[in-house]
Amino acid sequence: MTRLRALAPLIVAAALAAVAVLTVQQAGCPDPGRYVLGDHGYELVGGCIAPGDLVIPEPAPQPLPPLDAGAPAKS
């Protein structure tokens, strides 16, 4: 029983590594793309990622700290 407890994490790790390798092999891209220097800096040309695939959320507005009239001003 103790031998099984010692080997179980290794077996699970090997199975997860095998799944990761298979996932990467199946997710191949025929055109990996390349970076080209354009007018506005480097741009990715080709590849399997379209501009709409990357969603960048707008930053949340930061609330202003409350003003304390009795507090001394920091300099």
PDB file of N, CA and C in Angstrom:
ATOM      1  N   MET A   1       0.818  -1.190   0.000  1.00  0.00           N
ATOM      2  CA  MET A   1       0.000   0.000   0.000  1.00  0.00           C
ATOM      3  C   MET A   1       0.864   1.256   0.000  1.00  0.00           C
ATOM      4  N   THR A   2       1.976   1.278   0.749  1.00  0.00           N
ATOM      5  CA  THR A   2       2.839   2.455   0.780  1.00  0.00           C
ATOM      6  C   THR A   2       3.537   2.654  -0.566  1.00  0.00           C
ATOM      7  N   ARG A   3       3.798   1.575  -1.287  1.00  0.00           N
ATOM      8  CA  ARG A   3       4.429   1.700  -2.601  1.00  0.00           C
ATOM      9  C   ARG A   3       3.465   2.387  -3.573  1.00  0.00           C
ATOM     10  N   LEU A   4       2.183   2.061  -3.468  1.00  0.00           N
ATOM     11  CA  LEU A   4       1.179   2.698  -4.319  1.00  0.00           C
ATOM     12  C   LEU A   4       1.064   4.184  -3.991  1.00  0.00           C
ATOM     13  N   ARG A   5       1.128   4.522  -2.702  1.00  0.00           N
ATOM     14  CA  ARG A   5       1.076   5.934  -2.313  1.00  0.00           C
ATOM     15  C   ARG A   5       2.292   6.695  -2.820  1.00  0.00           C
ATOM     16  N   ALA A   6       3.413   6.043  -2.909  1.00  0.00           N
ATOM     17  CA  ALA A   6       4.624   6.698  -3.401  1.00  0.00           C
ATOM     18  C   ALA A   6       4.589   6.864  -4.919  1.00  0.00           C
ATOM     19  N   LEU A   7       3.988   5.923  -5.621  1.00  0.00           N
ATOM     20  CA  LEU A   7       3.978   5.971  -7.083  1.00  0.00           C
ATOM     21  C   LEU A   7       2.787   6.739  -7.661  1.00  0.00           C
ATOM     22  N   ALA A   8       1.725   6.889  -6.909  1.00  0.00           N
ATOM     23  CA  ALA A   8       0.518   7.535  -7.429  1.00  0.00           C
ATOM     24  C   ALA A   8       0.783   8.957  -7.940  1.00  0.00           C
ATOM     25  N   PRO A   9       1.498   9.816  -7.222  1.00  0.00           N
ATOM     26  CA  PRO A   9       1.754  11.158  -7.765  1.00  0.00           C
ATOM     27  C   PRO A   9       2.586  11.127  -9.047  1.00  0.00           C
ATOM     28  N   LEU A  10       3.513  10.197  -9.137  1.00  0.00           N
ATOM     29  CA  LEU A  10       4.321  10.095 -10.354  1.00  0.00           C
ATOM     30  C   LEU A  10       3.483   9.635 -11.542  1.00  0.00           C
ATOM     31  N   ILE A  11       2.570   8.705 -11.303  1.00  0.00           N
ATOM     32  CA  ILE A  11       1.695   8.223 -12.372  1.00  0.00           C
ATOM     33  C   ILE A  11       0.764   9.342 -12.838  1.00  0.00           C
ATOM     34  N   VAL A  12       0.216  10.087 -11.897  1.00  0.00           N
ATOM     35  CA  VAL A  12      -0.665  11.199 -12.251  1.00  0.00           C
ATOM     36  C   VAL A  12       0.108  12.273 -13.013  1.00  0.00           C
ATOM     37  N   ALA A  13       1.312  12.583 -12.578  1.00  0.00           N
ATOM     38  CA  ALA A  13       2.130  13.588 -13.261  1.00  0.00           C
ATOM     39  C   ALA A  13       2.473  13.139 -14.681  1.00  0.00           C
ATOM     40  N   ALA A  14       2.799  11.862 -14.859  1.00  0.00           N
ATOM     41  CA  ALA A  14       3.100  11.347 -16.192  1.00  0.00           C
ATOM     42  C   ALA A  14       1.872  11.403 -17.095  1.00  0.00           C
ATOM     43  N   ALA A  15       0.698  11.108 -16.554  1.00  0.00           N
ATOM     44  CA  ALA A  15      -0.529  11.169 -17.353  1.00  0.00           C
ATOM     45  C   ALA A  15      -0.826  12.609 -17.759  1.00  0.00           C
ATOM     46  N   LEU A  16      -0.671  13.563 -16.841  1.00  0.00           N
ATOM     47  CA  LEU A  16      -0.911  14.962 -17.171  1.00  0.00           C
ATOM     48  C   LEU A  16       0.101  15.478 -18.194  1.00  0.00           C
ATOM     49  N   ALA A  17       1.346  15.033 -18.097  1.00  0.00           N
ATOM     50  CA  ALA A  17       2.361  15.437 -19.076  1.00  0.00           C
ATOM     51  C   ALA A  17       2.015  14.881 -20.462  1.00  0.00           C
ATOM     52  N   ALA A  18       1.539  13.647 -20.517  1.00  0.00           N
ATOM     53  CA  ALA A  18       1.151  13.054 -21.794  1.00  0.00           C
ATOM     54  C   ALA A  18      -0.028  13.804 -22.405  1.00  0.00           C
ATOM     55  N   VAL A  19      -0.997  14.172 -21.583  1.00  0.00           N
ATOM     56  CA  VAL A  19      -2.143  14.941 -22.083  1.00  0.00           C
ATOM     57  C   VAL A  19      -1.680  16.306 -22.595  1.00  0.00           C
ATOM     58  N   ALA A  20      -0.745  16.935 -21.917  1.00  0.00           N
ATOM     59  CA  ALA A  20      -0.241  18.235 -22.347  1.00  0.00           C
ATOM     60  C   ALA A  20       0.475  18.128 -23.688  1.00  0.00           C
ATOM     61  N   VAL A  21       1.286  17.097 -23.853  1.00  0.00           N
ATOM     62  CA  VAL A  21       2.003  16.906 -25.119  1.00  0.00           C
ATOM     63  C   VAL A  21       1.017  16.667 -26.254  1.00  0.00           C
ATOM     64  N   LEU A  22       0.017  15.838 -26.041  1.00  0.00           N
ATOM     65  CA  LEU A  22      -0.984  15.570 -27.078  1.00  0.00           C
ATOM     66  C   LEU A  22      -1.780  16.827 -27.413  1.00  0.00           C
ATOM     67  N   THR A  23      -2.092  17.634 -26.421  1.00  0.00           N
ATOM     68  CA  THR A  23      -2.830  18.871 -26.664  1.00  0.00           C
ATOM     69  C   THR A  23      -2.026  19.833 -27.529  1.00  0.00           C
ATOM     70  N   VAL A  24      -0.753  19.962 -27.264  1.00  0.00           N
ATOM     71  CA  VAL A  24       0.101  20.860 -28.045  1.00  0.00           C
ATOM     72  C   VAL A  24       0.244  20.350 -29.467  1.00  0.00           C
ATOM     73  N   GLN A  25       0.367  19.051 -29.645  1.00  0.00           N
ATOM     74  CA  GLN A  25       0.492  18.489 -30.992  1.00  0.00           C
ATOM     75  C   GLN A  25      -0.783  18.697 -31.807  1.00  0.00           C
ATOM     76  N   GLN A  26      -1.936  18.615 -31.179  1.00  0.00           N
ATOM     77  CA  GLN A  26      -3.200  18.774 -31.886  1.00  0.00           C
ATOM     78  C   GLN A  26      -3.532  20.241 -32.159  1.00  0.00           C
ATOM     79  N   ALA A  27      -2.929  21.159 -31.446  1.00  0.00           N
ATOM     80  CA  ALA A  27      -3.241  22.577 -31.589  1.00  0.00           C
ATOM     81  C   ALA A  27      -2.263  23.282 -32.522  1.00  0.00           C
ATOM     82  N   GLY A  28      -1.676  22.548 -33.438  1.00  0.00           N
ATOM     83  CA  GLY A  28      -0.694  23.124 -34.345  1.00  0.00           C
ATOM     84  C   GLY A  28      -1.291  24.166 -35.273  1.00  0.00           C
ATOM     85  N   CYS A  29      -0.456  25.032 -35.753  1.00  0.00           N
ATOM     86  CA  CYS A  29      -0.863  26.096 -36.658  1.00  0.00           C
ATOM     87  C   CYS A  29       0.006  25.983 -37.907  1.00  0.00           C
ATOM     88  N   PRO A  30      -0.606  25.896 -39.101  1.00  0.00           N
ATOM     89  CA  PRO A  30       0.207  25.741 -40.305  1.00  0.00           C
ATOM     90  C   PRO A  30       1.034  26.980 -40.628  1.00  0.00           C
ATOM     91  N   ASP A  31       0.589  28.168 -40.216  1.00  0.00           N
ATOM     92  CA  ASP A  31       1.321  29.409 -40.470  1.00  0.00           C
ATOM     93  C   ASP A  31       1.572  30.100 -39.142  1.00  0.00           C
ATOM     94  N   PRO A  32       2.756  29.960 -38.557  1.00  0.00           N
ATOM     95  CA  PRO A  32       2.996  30.554 -37.245  1.00  0.00           C
ATOM     96  C   PRO A  32       3.029  32.077 -37.268  1.00  0.00           C
ATOM     97  N   GLY A  33       3.173  32.681 -38.437  1.00  0.00           N
ATOM     98  CA  GLY A  33       3.203  34.140 -38.534  1.00  0.00           C
ATOM     99  C   GLY A  33       4.612  34.673 -38.356  1.00  0.00           C
ATOM    100  N   ARG A  34       4.731  35.973 -38.593  1.00  0.00           N
ATOM    101  CA  ARG A  34       6.038  36.628 -38.450  1.00  0.00           C
ATOM    102  C   ARG A  34       5.784  38.085 -38.090  1.00  0.00           C
ATOM    103  N   TYR A  35       6.762  38.726 -37.498  1.00  0.00           N
ATOM    104  CA  TYR A  35       6.654  40.136 -37.143  1.00  0.00           C
ATOM    105  C   TYR A  35       7.343  40.974 -38.216  1.00  0.00           C
ATOM    106  N   VAL A  36       6.633  42.018 -38.669  1.00  0.00           N
ATOM    107  CA  VAL A  36       7.135  42.911 -39.700  1.00  0.00           C
ATOM    108  C   VAL A  36       7.110  44.327 -39.150  1.00  0.00           C
ATOM    109  N   LEU A  37       8.185  45.070 -39.405  1.00  0.00           N
ATOM    110  CA  LEU A  37       8.254  46.455 -38.952  1.00  0.00           C
ATOM    111  C   LEU A  37       7.394  47.310 -39.867  1.00  0.00           C
ATOM    112  N   GLY A  38       6.355  47.927 -39.301  1.00  0.00           N
ATOM    113  CA  GLY A  38       5.449  48.787 -40.060  1.00  0.00           C
ATOM    114  C   GLY A  38       5.575  50.224 -39.623  1.00  0.00           C
ATOM    115  N   ASP A  39       4.588  51.035 -40.023  1.00  0.00           N
ATOM    116  CA  ASP A  39       4.608  52.463 -39.686  1.00  0.00           C
ATOM    117  C   ASP A  39       4.443  52.704 -38.190  1.00  0.00           C
ATOM    118  N   HIS A  40       3.692  51.848 -37.511  1.00  0.00           N
ATOM    119  CA  HIS A  40       3.398  52.034 -36.086  1.00  0.00           C
ATOM    120  C   HIS A  40       4.127  51.023 -35.215  1.00  0.00           C
ATOM    121  N   GLY A  41       5.262  50.516 -35.653  1.00  0.00           N
ATOM    122  CA  GLY A  41       6.012  49.524 -34.882  1.00  0.00           C
ATOM    123  C   GLY A  41       5.853  48.144 -35.501  1.00  0.00           C
ATOM    124  N   TYR A  42       6.168  47.147 -34.759  1.00  0.00           N
ATOM    125  CA  TYR A  42       6.092  45.778 -35.268  1.00  0.00           C
ATOM    126  C   TYR A  42       4.651  45.287 -35.279  1.00  0.00           C
ATOM    127  N   GLU A  43       4.306  44.548 -36.339  1.00  0.00           N
ATOM    128  CA  GLU A  43       2.977  43.988 -36.497  1.00  0.00           C
ATOM    129  C   GLU A  43       3.109  42.509 -36.804  1.00  0.00           C
ATOM    130  N   LEU A  44       2.198  41.712 -36.263  1.00  0.00           N
ATOM    131  CA  LEU A  44       2.159  40.283 -36.547  1.00  0.00           C
ATOM    132  C   LEU A  44       1.438  40.081 -37.869  1.00  0.00           C
ATOM    133  N   VAL A  45       2.112  39.443 -38.820  1.00  0.00           N
ATOM    134  CA  VAL A  45       1.537  39.165 -40.128  1.00  0.00           C
ATOM    135  C   VAL A  45       1.385  37.658 -40.257  1.00  0.00           C
ATOM    136  N   GLY A  46       0.180  37.226 -40.603  1.00  0.00           N
ATOM    137  CA  GLY A  46      -0.076  35.789 -40.711  1.00  0.00           C
ATOM    138  C   GLY A  46      -0.367  35.222 -39.339  1.00  0.00           C
ATOM    139  N   GLY A  47      -0.252  33.931 -39.233  1.00  0.00           N
ATOM    140  CA  GLY A  47      -0.503  33.273 -37.960  1.00  0.00           C
ATOM    141  C   GLY A  47      -1.948  32.868 -37.799  1.00  0.00           C
ATOM    142  N   CYS A  48      -2.243  32.243 -36.711  1.00  0.00           N
ATOM    143  CA  CYS A  48      -3.580  31.711 -36.452  1.00  0.00           C
ATOM    144  C   CYS A  48      -4.395  32.603 -35.526  1.00  0.00           C
ATOM    145  N   ILE A  49      -3.876  33.758 -35.150  1.00  0.00           N
ATOM    146  CA  ILE A  49      -4.592  34.648 -34.233  1.00  0.00           C
ATOM    147  C   ILE A  49      -5.094  35.840 -35.023  1.00  0.00           C
ATOM    148  N   ALA A  50      -6.384  36.084 -34.945  1.00  0.00           N
ATOM    149  CA  ALA A  50      -6.992  37.254 -35.568  1.00  0.00           C
ATOM    150  C   ALA A  50      -7.085  38.363 -34.525  1.00  0.00           C
ATOM    151  N   PRO A  51      -7.131  39.624 -34.960  1.00  0.00           N
ATOM    152  CA  PRO A  51      -7.209  40.721 -33.970  1.00  0.00           C
ATOM    153  C   PRO A  51      -8.403  40.600 -33.030  1.00  0.00           C
ATOM    154  N   GLY A  52      -9.510  40.039 -33.483  1.00  0.00           N
ATOM    155  CA  GLY A  52     -10.679  39.903 -32.624  1.00  0.00           C
ATOM    156  C   GLY A  52     -10.555  38.806 -31.590  1.00  0.00           C
ATOM    157  N   ASP A  53      -9.535  37.949 -31.711  1.00  0.00           N
ATOM    158  CA  ASP A  53      -9.351  36.861 -30.754  1.00  0.00           C
ATOM    159  C   ASP A  53      -8.838  37.356 -29.407  1.00  0.00           C
ATOM    160  N   LEU A  54      -8.151  38.486 -29.403  1.00  0.00           N
ATOM    161  CA  LEU A  54      -7.584  39.030 -28.172  1.00  0.00           C
ATOM    162  C   LEU A  54      -8.498  40.133 -27.658  1.00  0.00           C
ATOM    163  N   VAL A  55      -9.120  39.889 -26.535  1.00  0.00           N
ATOM    164  CA  VAL A  55     -10.029  40.860 -25.944  1.00  0.00           C
ATOM    165  C   VAL A  55      -9.311  41.539 -24.783  1.00  0.00           C
ATOM    166  N   ILE A  56      -9.166  42.842 -24.893  1.00  0.00           N
ATOM    167  CA  ILE A  56      -8.501  43.619 -23.842  1.00  0.00           C
ATOM    168  C   ILE A  56      -9.561  44.498 -23.193  1.00  0.00           C
ATOM    169  N   PRO A  57      -9.898  44.247 -21.939  1.00  0.00           N
ATOM    170  CA  PRO A  57     -10.943  45.044 -21.288  1.00  0.00           C
ATOM    171  C   PRO A  57     -10.456  46.457 -21.003  1.00  0.00           C
ATOM    172  N   GLU A  58     -11.401  47.365 -20.957  1.00  0.00           N
ATOM    173  CA  GLU A  58     -11.083  48.743 -20.604  1.00  0.00           C
ATOM    174  C   GLU A  58     -10.705  48.796 -19.126  1.00  0.00           C
ATOM    175  N   PRO A  59      -9.706  49.589 -18.768  1.00  0.00           N
ATOM    176  CA  PRO A  59      -9.347  49.675 -17.348  1.00  0.00           C
ATOM    177  C   PRO A  59     -10.466  50.326 -16.546  1.00  0.00           C
ATOM    178  N   ALA A  60     -10.677  49.829 -15.350  1.00  0.00           N
ATOM    179  CA  ALA A  60     -11.713  50.375 -14.475  1.00  0.00           C
ATOM    180  C   ALA A  60     -11.251  51.733 -13.953  1.00  0.00           C
ATOM    181  N   PRO A  61     -12.151  52.700 -13.874  1.00  0.00           N
ATOM    182  CA  PRO A  61     -11.754  54.002 -13.345  1.00  0.00           C
ATOM    183  C   PRO A  61     -11.395  53.890 -11.862  1.00  0.00           C
ATOM    184  N   GLN A  62     -10.347  54.569 -11.489  1.00  0.00           N
ATOM    185  CA  GLN A  62      -9.889  54.547 -10.103  1.00  0.00           C
ATOM    186  C   GLN A  62     -10.643  55.614  -9.316  1.00  0.00           C
ATOM    187  N   PRO A  63     -11.230  55.250  -8.173  1.00  0.00           N
ATOM    188  CA  PRO A  63     -11.939  56.257  -7.378  1.00  0.00           C
ATOM    189  C   PRO A  63     -10.952  57.233  -6.740  1.00  0.00           C
ATOM    190  N   LEU A  64     -11.375  58.489  -6.668  1.00  0.00           N
ATOM    191  CA  LEU A  64     -10.540  59.504  -6.038  1.00  0.00           C
ATOM    192  C   LEU A  64     -10.636  59.380  -4.527  1.00  0.00           C
ATOM    193  N   PRO A  65      -9.552  59.593  -3.823  1.00  0.00           N
ATOM    194  CA  PRO A  65      -9.607  59.519  -2.357  1.00  0.00           C
ATOM    195  C   PRO A  65     -10.458  60.678  -1.823  1.00  0.00           C
ATOM    196  N   PRO A  66     -11.167  60.453  -0.733  1.00  0.00           N
ATOM    197  CA  PRO A  66     -11.989  61.523  -0.180  1.00  0.00           C
ATOM    198  C   PRO A  66     -11.107  62.652   0.353  1.00  0.00           C
ATOM    199  N   LEU A  67     -11.595  63.875   0.163  1.00  0.00           N
ATOM    200  CA  LEU A  67     -10.876  65.039   0.658  1.00  0.00           C
ATOM    201  C   LEU A  67     -11.230  65.281   2.116  1.00  0.00           C
ATOM    202  N   ASP A  68     -10.216  65.413   2.940  1.00  0.00           N
ATOM    203  CA  ASP A  68     -10.418  65.681   4.348  1.00  0.00           C
ATOM    204  C   ASP A  68     -10.003  67.133   4.604  1.00  0.00           C
ATOM    205  N   ALA A  69     -10.947  67.987   4.881  1.00  0.00           N
ATOM    206  CA  ALA A  69     -10.670  69.423   5.041  1.00  0.00           C
ATOM    207  C   ALA A  69      -9.791  69.686   6.253  1.00  0.00           C
ATOM    208  N   GLY A  70      -9.830  68.837   7.284  1.00  0.00           N
ATOM    209  CA  GLY A  70      -9.054  69.075   8.487  1.00  0.00           C
ATOM    210  C   GLY A  70      -7.644  68.528   8.424  1.00  0.00           C
ATOM    211  N   ALA A  71      -7.329  67.765   7.407  1.00  0.00           N
ATOM    212  CA  ALA A  71      -5.996  67.157   7.320  1.00  0.00           C
ATOM    213  C   ALA A  71      -5.000  68.144   6.748  1.00  0.00           C
ATOM    214  N   PRO A  72      -3.754  68.128   7.256  1.00  0.00           N
ATOM    215  CA  PRO A  72      -2.736  69.026   6.694  1.00  0.00           C
ATOM    216  C   PRO A  72      -2.363  68.594   5.272  1.00  0.00           C
ATOM    217  N   ALA A  73      -1.995  69.551   4.456  1.00  0.00           N
ATOM    218  CA  ALA A  73      -1.638  69.271   3.061  1.00  0.00           C
ATOM    219  C   ALA A  73      -0.266  68.608   3.019  1.00  0.00           C
ATOM    220  N   LYS A  74      -0.120  67.622   2.123  1.00  0.00           N
ATOM    221  CA  LYS A  74       1.184  66.968   1.932  1.00  0.00           C
ATOM    222  C   LYS A  74       1.958  67.710   0.861  1.00  0.00           C
ATOM    223  N   SER A  75       3.266  67.780   1.054  1.00  0.00           N
ATOM    224  CA  SER A  75       4.061  68.453   0.035  1.00  0.00           C
ATOM    225  C   SER A  75       5.083  67.530  -0.542  1.00  0.00           C
TER     226      SER A  75
END
